[in-house]
N, C-alpha and C. Protein backbone atom coordinates (compact mmCIF):
# COMPACT_ATOMS: atom_id res chain seq x y z
N UNK A 1 27.00 -3.44 9.80
CA UNK A 1 25.79 -3.64 10.59
C UNK A 1 25.40 -2.32 11.25
N UNK A 2 24.15 -2.02 11.26
CA UNK A 2 23.64 -0.79 11.86
C UNK A 2 23.03 -1.13 13.22
N UNK A 3 23.17 -0.21 14.16
CA UNK A 3 22.58 -0.42 15.48
C UNK A 3 21.07 -0.63 15.36
N UNK A 4 20.53 -1.64 16.02
CA UNK A 4 19.10 -1.91 15.92
C UNK A 4 18.24 -0.86 16.62
N UNK A 5 18.83 0.01 17.42
CA UNK A 5 18.09 1.05 18.12
C UNK A 5 18.03 2.37 17.36
N UNK A 6 18.74 2.46 16.24
CA UNK A 6 18.75 3.68 15.44
C UNK A 6 17.55 3.72 14.51
N UNK A 7 16.86 4.85 14.54
CA UNK A 7 15.73 5.10 13.65
C UNK A 7 15.90 6.50 13.08
N UNK A 8 15.26 6.75 11.95
CA UNK A 8 15.22 8.11 11.41
C UNK A 8 13.77 8.54 11.39
N UNK A 9 13.50 9.67 12.04
CA UNK A 9 12.13 10.15 12.17
C UNK A 9 11.97 11.51 11.51
N UNK A 10 10.80 11.73 10.96
CA UNK A 10 10.51 13.00 10.30
C UNK A 10 9.69 13.94 11.18
N UNK A 11 9.38 13.49 12.42
CA UNK A 11 8.61 14.34 13.33
C UNK A 11 8.76 13.83 14.77
N UNK A 12 8.39 14.68 15.70
CA UNK A 12 8.27 14.26 17.09
C UNK A 12 6.84 14.58 17.53
N UNK A 13 6.59 14.64 18.82
CA UNK A 13 5.22 14.86 19.31
C UNK A 13 4.62 16.18 18.83
N UNK A 14 5.46 17.19 18.63
CA UNK A 14 4.91 18.51 18.29
C UNK A 14 5.52 19.19 17.07
N UNK A 15 6.52 18.57 16.44
CA UNK A 15 7.20 19.21 15.31
C UNK A 15 7.33 18.28 14.12
N UNK A 16 7.24 18.86 12.94
CA UNK A 16 7.51 18.17 11.69
C UNK A 16 8.87 18.68 11.20
N UNK A 17 9.77 17.78 10.79
CA UNK A 17 11.12 18.18 10.38
C UNK A 17 11.23 18.22 8.86
N UNK A 18 12.13 19.07 8.38
CA UNK A 18 12.40 19.14 6.94
C UNK A 18 13.10 17.88 6.44
N UNK A 19 13.94 17.30 7.29
CA UNK A 19 14.72 16.12 6.94
C UNK A 19 14.63 15.12 8.09
N UNK A 20 14.72 13.84 7.80
CA UNK A 20 14.71 12.84 8.87
C UNK A 20 15.87 13.07 9.85
N UNK A 21 15.60 12.87 11.11
CA UNK A 21 16.62 13.03 12.16
C UNK A 21 16.86 11.70 12.85
N UNK A 22 18.10 11.52 13.27
CA UNK A 22 18.49 10.27 13.94
C UNK A 22 17.89 10.21 15.34
N UNK A 23 17.24 9.10 15.63
CA UNK A 23 16.61 8.88 16.92
C UNK A 23 17.13 7.57 17.50
N UNK A 24 17.55 7.62 18.76
CA UNK A 24 18.02 6.42 19.45
C UNK A 24 16.89 5.89 20.32
N UNK A 25 16.33 4.74 19.94
CA UNK A 25 15.26 4.13 20.71
C UNK A 25 15.77 3.63 22.06
N UNK A 26 17.05 3.30 22.15
CA UNK A 26 17.63 2.85 23.42
C UNK A 26 17.69 3.97 24.44
N UNK A 27 18.02 5.18 23.98
CA UNK A 27 18.10 6.34 24.87
C UNK A 27 16.79 7.12 24.89
N UNK A 28 15.89 6.80 23.96
CA UNK A 28 14.61 7.48 23.81
C UNK A 28 14.80 8.98 23.59
N UNK A 29 15.75 9.32 22.67
CA UNK A 29 15.99 10.72 22.33
C UNK A 29 16.66 10.83 20.97
N UNK A 30 16.56 12.02 20.40
CA UNK A 30 17.25 12.28 19.15
C UNK A 30 18.74 12.43 19.44
N UNK A 31 19.57 11.99 18.52
CA UNK A 31 21.01 12.07 18.70
C UNK A 31 21.64 12.91 17.60
N UNK A 32 22.83 13.38 17.86
CA UNK A 32 23.54 14.22 16.90
C UNK A 32 23.95 13.40 15.67
N UNK A 33 24.16 14.07 14.55
CA UNK A 33 24.65 13.36 13.38
C UNK A 33 25.97 12.63 13.65
N UNK A 34 26.82 13.20 14.48
CA UNK A 34 28.09 12.53 14.81
C UNK A 34 27.83 11.23 15.56
N UNK A 35 26.87 11.24 16.47
CA UNK A 35 26.54 10.00 17.19
C UNK A 35 25.91 9.00 16.24
N UNK A 36 25.11 9.46 15.31
CA UNK A 36 24.49 8.57 14.33
C UNK A 36 25.55 7.89 13.47
N UNK A 37 26.69 8.55 13.25
CA UNK A 37 27.78 7.91 12.52
C UNK A 37 28.26 6.66 13.25
N UNK A 38 28.32 6.73 14.57
CA UNK A 38 28.70 5.55 15.36
C UNK A 38 27.63 4.48 15.22
N UNK A 39 26.35 4.88 15.30
CA UNK A 39 25.23 3.94 15.16
C UNK A 39 25.25 3.23 13.81
N UNK A 40 25.69 3.95 12.78
CA UNK A 40 25.74 3.40 11.43
C UNK A 40 27.06 2.68 11.13
N UNK A 41 27.92 2.55 12.14
CA UNK A 41 29.23 1.89 11.99
C UNK A 41 30.06 2.52 10.88
N UNK A 42 30.00 3.84 10.77
CA UNK A 42 30.78 4.54 9.75
C UNK A 42 32.24 4.63 10.15
N UNK A 43 33.06 4.71 9.13
CA UNK A 43 34.50 4.85 9.29
C UNK A 43 35.02 3.66 10.09
N UNK A 44 35.70 3.89 11.18
CA UNK A 44 36.27 2.79 11.97
C UNK A 44 35.40 2.45 13.18
N UNK A 45 34.24 3.07 13.28
CA UNK A 45 33.39 2.89 14.46
C UNK A 45 32.56 1.61 14.38
N UNK A 46 32.30 1.06 15.55
CA UNK A 46 31.43 -0.10 15.71
C UNK A 46 30.52 0.23 16.89
N UNK A 47 29.22 0.31 16.66
CA UNK A 47 28.31 0.73 17.72
C UNK A 47 28.43 -0.14 18.97
N UNK A 48 28.69 -1.42 18.82
CA UNK A 48 28.81 -2.31 19.98
C UNK A 48 30.03 -1.98 20.83
N UNK A 49 31.04 -1.40 20.21
CA UNK A 49 32.27 -1.06 20.93
C UNK A 49 32.29 0.38 21.42
N UNK A 50 31.69 1.30 20.66
CA UNK A 50 31.83 2.73 20.96
C UNK A 50 30.60 3.40 21.57
N UNK A 51 29.46 2.75 21.57
CA UNK A 51 28.24 3.40 22.06
C UNK A 51 27.87 2.92 23.46
N UNK A 52 27.94 3.83 24.42
CA UNK A 52 27.62 3.47 25.80
C UNK A 52 26.13 3.17 25.96
N UNK A 53 25.27 3.81 25.17
CA UNK A 53 23.83 3.53 25.25
C UNK A 53 23.55 2.10 24.81
N UNK A 54 24.12 1.69 23.69
CA UNK A 54 23.93 0.33 23.20
C UNK A 54 24.45 -0.68 24.23
N UNK A 55 25.61 -0.43 24.79
CA UNK A 55 26.19 -1.34 25.78
C UNK A 55 25.29 -1.44 27.02
N UNK A 56 24.73 -0.31 27.46
CA UNK A 56 23.86 -0.32 28.63
C UNK A 56 22.57 -1.10 28.35
N UNK A 57 21.96 -0.85 27.20
CA UNK A 57 20.71 -1.54 26.86
C UNK A 57 20.96 -3.04 26.74
N UNK A 58 22.04 -3.42 26.11
CA UNK A 58 22.35 -4.86 25.96
C UNK A 58 22.59 -5.51 27.33
N UNK A 59 23.23 -4.79 28.23
CA UNK A 59 23.50 -5.34 29.56
C UNK A 59 22.21 -5.51 30.36
N UNK A 60 21.21 -4.67 30.09
CA UNK A 60 19.94 -4.75 30.80
C UNK A 60 19.01 -5.82 30.27
N UNK A 61 19.22 -6.27 29.02
CA UNK A 61 18.36 -7.29 28.43
C UNK A 61 18.66 -8.65 29.06
N UNK A 62 17.63 -9.49 29.21
CA UNK A 62 17.87 -10.84 29.73
C UNK A 62 18.88 -11.58 28.88
N UNK A 63 19.83 -12.19 29.52
CA UNK A 63 20.87 -12.93 28.81
C UNK A 63 21.97 -12.02 28.27
N UNK A 64 21.87 -10.68 28.55
CA UNK A 64 22.84 -9.72 28.03
C UNK A 64 24.00 -9.57 28.86
């Protein structure tokens, strides 16, 4: 399962990128490729367990 807040964008407000970059909608910022590995649940990682941004956003949602 992939984090629902992970997006890949090819641009921001003022720049066009050569390759899509990982963007965290929960943190409203681009994240490093290493952080994106957690978002994508790669290797032994689980975004629900290892990502503090995901945990914070879920705690702020009603019923979270």
